[in-house]
Amino acid sequence: MAKTILVIDDDEDILEILNIVFQDSGYEVILSRVGLETEFINVLHPDIVLLDVRIVGSPKTGADICKDLKADARTKHVPVILFSAEHDLHTMATACEADSYIAKPFGIDSLLMQVQKQLS
């Protein structure tokens, strides 16, 4: 059974590219251009969540969503990878208890390796 990746980013181009890359790698992919509440993410049952830090038009940042996921007993086990061009990404990822982070721009191979590492 294929693992499910939830990708949340407001950039349609990034979502389209990641959708193709992850599907070609055998993953099921769920895409969202807006931040999602923990309750909704729990219903989706992703195996991993990739979150952009800045999500234009969403009331919460990716770091806020990550913090909510890690604070909820139903979703705290789900690996979260933050990705962003923010200069203090490491600090943000640590503060929200993200499992990993990757700086934009990122290489597709590096991202795939991070995802595989978190899913293993």
N, C-alpha and C. Protein backbone atom coordinates (compact mmCIF):
# COMPACT_ATOMS: atom_id res chain seq x y z
N MET A 1 0.83 -1.18 0.00
CA MET A 1 0.00 0.00 0.00
C MET A 1 0.88 1.25 0.00
N ALA A 2 0.57 2.18 -0.88
CA ALA A 2 1.38 3.39 -1.02
C ALA A 2 1.21 4.30 0.19
N LYS A 3 2.30 4.93 0.58
CA LYS A 3 2.27 5.92 1.66
C LYS A 3 1.65 7.21 1.12
N THR A 4 0.97 7.93 2.01
CA THR A 4 0.30 9.16 1.62
C THR A 4 1.06 10.37 2.14
N ILE A 5 1.33 11.31 1.24
CA ILE A 5 2.02 12.54 1.56
C ILE A 5 1.03 13.69 1.42
N LEU A 6 0.90 14.48 2.48
CA LEU A 6 0.10 15.71 2.43
C LEU A 6 1.08 16.87 2.26
N VAL A 7 0.90 17.64 1.19
CA VAL A 7 1.76 18.79 0.92
C VAL A 7 0.91 20.05 1.02
N ILE A 8 1.33 20.96 1.88
CA ILE A 8 0.63 22.23 2.05
C ILE A 8 1.58 23.36 1.68
N ASP A 9 1.23 24.06 0.60
CA ASP A 9 2.03 25.19 0.10
C ASP A 9 1.11 26.07 -0.73
N ASP A 10 1.26 27.37 -0.63
CA ASP A 10 0.40 28.27 -1.40
C ASP A 10 0.87 28.46 -2.84
N ASP A 11 2.03 27.94 -3.19
CA ASP A 11 2.58 28.08 -4.54
C ASP A 11 2.12 26.92 -5.42
N GLU A 12 1.27 27.23 -6.38
CA GLU A 12 0.72 26.18 -7.26
C GLU A 12 1.80 25.45 -8.05
N ASP A 13 2.83 26.17 -8.48
CA ASP A 13 3.90 25.53 -9.25
C ASP A 13 4.63 24.48 -8.41
N ILE A 14 4.93 24.82 -7.17
CA ILE A 14 5.59 23.85 -6.29
C ILE A 14 4.69 22.65 -6.06
N LEU A 15 3.41 22.90 -5.81
CA LEU A 15 2.47 21.78 -5.61
C LEU A 15 2.43 20.87 -6.83
N GLU A 16 2.38 21.46 -8.01
CA GLU A 16 2.31 20.67 -9.24
C GLU A 16 3.56 19.82 -9.42
N ILE A 17 4.73 20.43 -9.19
CA ILE A 17 5.99 19.69 -9.33
C ILE A 17 6.07 18.56 -8.31
N LEU A 18 5.75 18.87 -7.05
CA LEU A 18 5.84 17.84 -6.01
C LEU A 18 4.82 16.73 -6.24
N ASN A 19 3.66 17.08 -6.75
CA ASN A 19 2.67 16.06 -7.07
C ASN A 19 3.22 15.06 -8.09
N ILE A 20 3.84 15.58 -9.14
CA ILE A 20 4.42 14.71 -10.17
C ILE A 20 5.56 13.86 -9.60
N VAL A 21 6.47 14.52 -8.88
CA VAL A 21 7.64 13.82 -8.33
C VAL A 21 7.21 12.69 -7.38
N PHE A 22 6.29 13.01 -6.45
CA PHE A 22 5.89 12.00 -5.47
C PHE A 22 5.06 10.89 -6.09
N GLN A 23 4.18 11.22 -7.02
CA GLN A 23 3.41 10.18 -7.69
C GLN A 23 4.33 9.26 -8.49
N ASP A 24 5.30 9.86 -9.19
CA ASP A 24 6.26 9.05 -9.95
C ASP A 24 7.10 8.15 -9.04
N SER A 25 7.23 8.54 -7.78
CA SER A 25 7.98 7.74 -6.81
C SER A 25 7.10 6.75 -6.06
N GLY A 26 5.82 6.66 -6.45
CA GLY A 26 4.93 5.65 -5.89
C GLY A 26 4.12 6.07 -4.68
N TYR A 27 4.10 7.36 -4.37
CA TYR A 27 3.33 7.84 -3.23
C TYR A 27 1.94 8.32 -3.67
N GLU A 28 1.00 8.24 -2.73
CA GLU A 28 -0.28 8.91 -2.88
C GLU A 28 -0.05 10.34 -2.42
N VAL A 29 -0.64 11.31 -3.11
CA VAL A 29 -0.38 12.70 -2.79
C VAL A 29 -1.68 13.46 -2.57
N ILE A 30 -1.74 14.22 -1.49
CA ILE A 30 -2.84 15.13 -1.22
C ILE A 30 -2.23 16.53 -1.20
N LEU A 31 -2.81 17.45 -1.96
CA LEU A 31 -2.28 18.80 -2.06
C LEU A 31 -3.25 19.81 -1.47
N SER A 32 -2.71 20.83 -0.83
CA SER A 32 -3.54 21.91 -0.30
C SER A 32 -2.81 23.23 -0.46
N ARG A 33 -3.54 24.25 -0.94
CA ARG A 33 -2.97 25.59 -1.06
C ARG A 33 -3.24 26.43 0.18
N VAL A 34 -3.96 25.89 1.13
CA VAL A 34 -4.28 26.61 2.36
C VAL A 34 -3.91 25.75 3.56
N GLY A 35 -3.69 26.43 4.68
CA GLY A 35 -3.40 25.72 5.91
C GLY A 35 -4.63 24.93 6.35
N LEU A 36 -4.42 23.76 6.89
CA LEU A 36 -5.52 22.91 7.32
C LEU A 36 -5.48 22.74 8.83
N GLU A 37 -6.65 22.61 9.41
CA GLU A 37 -6.74 22.37 10.85
C GLU A 37 -6.37 20.93 11.17
N THR A 38 -5.91 20.71 12.35
CA THR A 38 -5.48 19.38 12.80
C THR A 38 -6.60 18.35 12.63
N GLU A 39 -7.83 18.74 12.93
CA GLU A 39 -8.96 17.81 12.81
C GLU A 39 -9.09 17.30 11.38
N PHE A 40 -8.93 18.20 10.42
CA PHE A 40 -9.06 17.80 9.01
C PHE A 40 -7.88 16.94 8.58
N ILE A 41 -6.69 17.31 9.03
CA ILE A 41 -5.51 16.51 8.69
C ILE A 41 -5.66 15.11 9.27
N ASN A 42 -6.18 15.00 10.48
CA ASN A 42 -6.39 13.70 11.10
C ASN A 42 -7.33 12.83 10.26
N VAL A 43 -8.35 13.43 9.68
CA VAL A 43 -9.30 12.70 8.84
C VAL A 43 -8.62 12.17 7.57
N LEU A 44 -7.64 12.94 7.06
CA LEU A 44 -6.93 12.53 5.83
C LEU A 44 -5.97 11.37 6.07
N HIS A 45 -5.52 11.18 7.30
CA HIS A 45 -4.57 10.12 7.68
C HIS A 45 -3.30 10.08 6.82
N PRO A 46 -2.62 11.23 6.69
CA PRO A 46 -1.37 11.17 5.91
C PRO A 46 -0.30 10.42 6.68
N ASP A 47 0.64 9.85 5.94
CA ASP A 47 1.78 9.20 6.56
C ASP A 47 2.88 10.20 6.87
N ILE A 48 2.85 11.34 6.18
CA ILE A 48 3.82 12.41 6.39
C ILE A 48 3.19 13.71 5.89
N VAL A 49 3.60 14.83 6.50
CA VAL A 49 3.10 16.15 6.11
C VAL A 49 4.29 17.03 5.76
N LEU A 50 4.23 17.65 4.58
CA LEU A 50 5.22 18.64 4.16
C LEU A 50 4.55 20.00 4.22
N LEU A 51 5.12 20.91 4.98
CA LEU A 51 4.52 22.21 5.23
C LEU A 51 5.44 23.35 4.84
N ASP A 52 4.93 24.24 4.01
CA ASP A 52 5.62 25.50 3.78
C ASP A 52 5.41 26.34 5.03
N VAL A 53 6.37 27.16 5.39
CA VAL A 53 6.23 27.99 6.58
C VAL A 53 5.25 29.13 6.33
N ARG A 54 5.40 29.81 5.22
CA ARG A 54 4.51 30.94 4.90
C ARG A 54 3.43 30.47 3.93
N ILE A 55 2.20 30.53 4.36
CA ILE A 55 1.07 30.10 3.54
C ILE A 55 0.15 31.31 3.38
N VAL A 56 0.31 32.02 2.26
CA VAL A 56 -0.45 33.24 2.01
C VAL A 56 -1.95 32.95 2.06
N GLY A 57 -2.68 33.79 2.80
CA GLY A 57 -4.12 33.65 2.89
C GLY A 57 -4.59 32.73 4.00
N SER A 58 -3.67 32.07 4.68
CA SER A 58 -4.05 31.18 5.77
C SER A 58 -3.82 31.89 7.10
N PRO A 59 -4.70 31.67 8.06
CA PRO A 59 -4.54 32.33 9.36
C PRO A 59 -3.35 31.80 10.15
N LYS A 60 -2.88 30.61 9.84
CA LYS A 60 -1.76 30.01 10.56
C LYS A 60 -0.59 29.79 9.61
N THR A 61 0.61 29.86 10.18
CA THR A 61 1.80 29.52 9.41
C THR A 61 1.98 28.01 9.43
N GLY A 62 2.88 27.53 8.61
CA GLY A 62 3.20 26.11 8.64
C GLY A 62 3.75 25.69 9.99
N ALA A 63 4.52 26.57 10.63
CA ALA A 63 5.06 26.26 11.96
C ALA A 63 3.93 26.14 12.98
N ASP A 64 2.90 26.99 12.87
CA ASP A 64 1.74 26.90 13.76
C ASP A 64 1.01 25.57 13.57
N ILE A 65 0.83 25.19 12.31
CA ILE A 65 0.14 23.93 12.00
C ILE A 65 0.96 22.76 12.53
N CYS A 66 2.27 22.82 12.34
CA CYS A 66 3.16 21.78 12.85
C CYS A 66 3.02 21.66 14.36
N LYS A 67 3.04 22.77 15.05
CA LYS A 67 2.92 22.77 16.51
C LYS A 67 1.60 22.13 16.94
N ASP A 68 0.51 22.48 16.23
CA ASP A 68 -0.80 21.89 16.53
C ASP A 68 -0.79 20.38 16.32
N LEU A 69 -0.18 19.93 15.22
CA LEU A 69 -0.12 18.50 14.93
C LEU A 69 0.65 17.75 16.01
N LYS A 70 1.77 18.32 16.44
CA LYS A 70 2.61 17.66 17.44
C LYS A 70 1.99 17.70 18.84
N ALA A 71 1.06 18.63 19.06
CA ALA A 71 0.39 18.73 20.36
C ALA A 71 -0.84 17.84 20.46
N ASP A 72 -1.30 17.30 19.35
CA ASP A 72 -2.51 16.48 19.31
C ASP A 72 -2.11 15.00 19.34
N ALA A 73 -2.64 14.26 20.29
CA ALA A 73 -2.30 12.84 20.44
C ALA A 73 -2.61 12.03 19.18
N ARG A 74 -3.60 12.46 18.42
CA ARG A 74 -4.00 11.72 17.20
C ARG A 74 -3.02 11.90 16.06
N THR A 75 -2.26 12.99 16.07
CA THR A 75 -1.38 13.29 14.93
C THR A 75 0.09 13.49 15.31
N LYS A 76 0.43 13.43 16.59
CA LYS A 76 1.81 13.73 16.98
C LYS A 76 2.83 12.74 16.41
N HIS A 77 2.38 11.55 16.05
CA HIS A 77 3.29 10.54 15.48
C HIS A 77 3.57 10.76 13.99
N VAL A 78 2.79 11.61 13.33
CA VAL A 78 2.95 11.84 11.89
C VAL A 78 4.18 12.73 11.66
N PRO A 79 5.14 12.25 10.88
CA PRO A 79 6.32 13.08 10.60
C PRO A 79 5.93 14.35 9.86
N VAL A 80 6.57 15.45 10.26
CA VAL A 80 6.35 16.75 9.63
C VAL A 80 7.69 17.28 9.14
N ILE A 81 7.71 17.68 7.87
CA ILE A 81 8.89 18.33 7.31
C ILE A 81 8.48 19.75 6.94
N LEU A 82 9.15 20.74 7.53
CA LEU A 82 8.94 22.13 7.14
C LEU A 82 9.85 22.44 5.97
N PHE A 83 9.35 23.23 5.02
CA PHE A 83 10.24 23.71 3.97
C PHE A 83 9.95 25.18 3.72
N SER A 84 11.04 25.93 3.54
CA SER A 84 10.89 27.37 3.43
C SER A 84 12.20 28.01 3.02
N ALA A 85 12.12 29.27 2.61
CA ALA A 85 13.31 30.07 2.34
C ALA A 85 13.66 30.95 3.54
N GLU A 86 12.95 30.78 4.64
CA GLU A 86 13.20 31.57 5.85
C GLU A 86 14.63 31.32 6.34
N HIS A 87 15.30 32.38 6.79
CA HIS A 87 16.69 32.23 7.23
C HIS A 87 16.82 31.50 8.57
N ASP A 88 15.77 31.50 9.38
CA ASP A 88 15.83 30.83 10.68
C ASP A 88 14.99 29.55 10.71
N LEU A 89 15.01 28.85 9.60
CA LEU A 89 14.19 27.65 9.45
C LEU A 89 14.51 26.59 10.51
N HIS A 90 15.78 26.42 10.81
CA HIS A 90 16.16 25.43 11.83
C HIS A 90 15.51 25.76 13.17
N THR A 91 15.54 27.02 13.56
CA THR A 91 14.93 27.46 14.82
C THR A 91 13.42 27.23 14.81
N MET A 92 12.79 27.58 13.69
CA MET A 92 11.34 27.38 13.57
C MET A 92 10.98 25.90 13.67
N ALA A 93 11.75 25.06 12.98
CA ALA A 93 11.48 23.62 12.98
C ALA A 93 11.66 23.04 14.37
N THR A 94 12.68 23.47 15.07
CA THR A 94 12.92 23.00 16.43
C THR A 94 11.79 23.43 17.36
N ALA A 95 11.37 24.69 17.24
CA ALA A 95 10.33 25.23 18.12
C ALA A 95 8.99 24.53 17.96
N CYS A 96 8.66 24.11 16.74
CA CYS A 96 7.36 23.46 16.53
C CYS A 96 7.46 21.94 16.57
N GLU A 97 8.66 21.42 16.85
CA GLU A 97 8.92 19.98 16.95
C GLU A 97 8.78 19.24 15.62
N ALA A 98 9.10 19.94 14.52
CA ALA A 98 9.10 19.28 13.22
C ALA A 98 10.14 18.17 13.23
N ASP A 99 9.88 17.13 12.47
CA ASP A 99 10.81 16.01 12.41
C ASP A 99 12.02 16.32 11.54
N SER A 100 11.83 17.25 10.61
CA SER A 100 12.91 17.62 9.71
C SER A 100 12.55 18.95 9.05
N TYR A 101 13.50 19.49 8.31
CA TYR A 101 13.24 20.70 7.54
C TYR A 101 14.15 20.69 6.33
N ILE A 102 13.75 21.44 5.32
CA ILE A 102 14.57 21.56 4.12
C ILE A 102 14.39 22.97 3.58
N ALA A 103 15.51 23.61 3.26
CA ALA A 103 15.50 24.99 2.79
C ALA A 103 15.15 25.07 1.31
N LYS A 104 14.35 26.08 0.97
CA LYS A 104 14.08 26.39 -0.43
C LYS A 104 15.18 27.34 -0.91
N PRO A 105 15.62 27.22 -2.13
CA PRO A 105 15.24 26.18 -3.08
C PRO A 105 15.91 24.86 -2.71
N PHE A 106 15.19 23.79 -2.94
CA PHE A 106 15.72 22.48 -2.58
C PHE A 106 15.82 21.61 -3.82
N GLY A 107 16.70 20.63 -3.75
CA GLY A 107 16.82 19.66 -4.82
C GLY A 107 15.78 18.56 -4.62
N ILE A 108 15.22 18.10 -5.69
CA ILE A 108 14.20 17.05 -5.61
C ILE A 108 14.76 15.79 -4.96
N ASP A 109 15.99 15.42 -5.32
CA ASP A 109 16.58 14.22 -4.72
C ASP A 109 16.74 14.36 -3.21
N SER A 110 17.14 15.55 -2.76
CA SER A 110 17.29 15.79 -1.31
C SER A 110 15.94 15.68 -0.61
N LEU A 111 14.91 16.24 -1.21
CA LEU A 111 13.58 16.17 -0.61
C LEU A 111 13.09 14.72 -0.56
N LEU A 112 13.27 13.99 -1.64
CA LEU A 112 12.85 12.58 -1.65
C LEU A 112 13.59 11.78 -0.59
N MET A 113 14.87 12.06 -0.42
CA MET A 113 15.65 11.35 0.60
C MET A 113 15.12 11.67 2.00
N GLN A 114 14.79 12.94 2.24
CA GLN A 114 14.24 13.33 3.55
C GLN A 114 12.92 12.62 3.81
N VAL A 115 12.05 12.58 2.80
CA VAL A 115 10.76 11.92 2.94
C VAL A 115 10.96 10.43 3.24
N GLN A 116 11.81 9.78 2.46
CA GLN A 116 12.06 8.35 2.67
C GLN A 116 12.64 8.09 4.05
N LYS A 117 13.53 8.95 4.49
CA LYS A 117 14.14 8.80 5.81
C LYS A 117 13.06 8.89 6.90
N GLN A 118 12.17 9.85 6.79
CA GLN A 118 11.14 10.04 7.81
C GLN A 118 10.10 8.92 7.79
N LEU A 119 9.89 8.31 6.64
CA LEU A 119 8.90 7.24 6.53
C LEU A 119 9.47 5.86 6.90
N SER A 120 10.79 5.78 7.04
CA SER A 120 11.38 4.47 7.36
C SER A 120 11.46 4.22 8.84
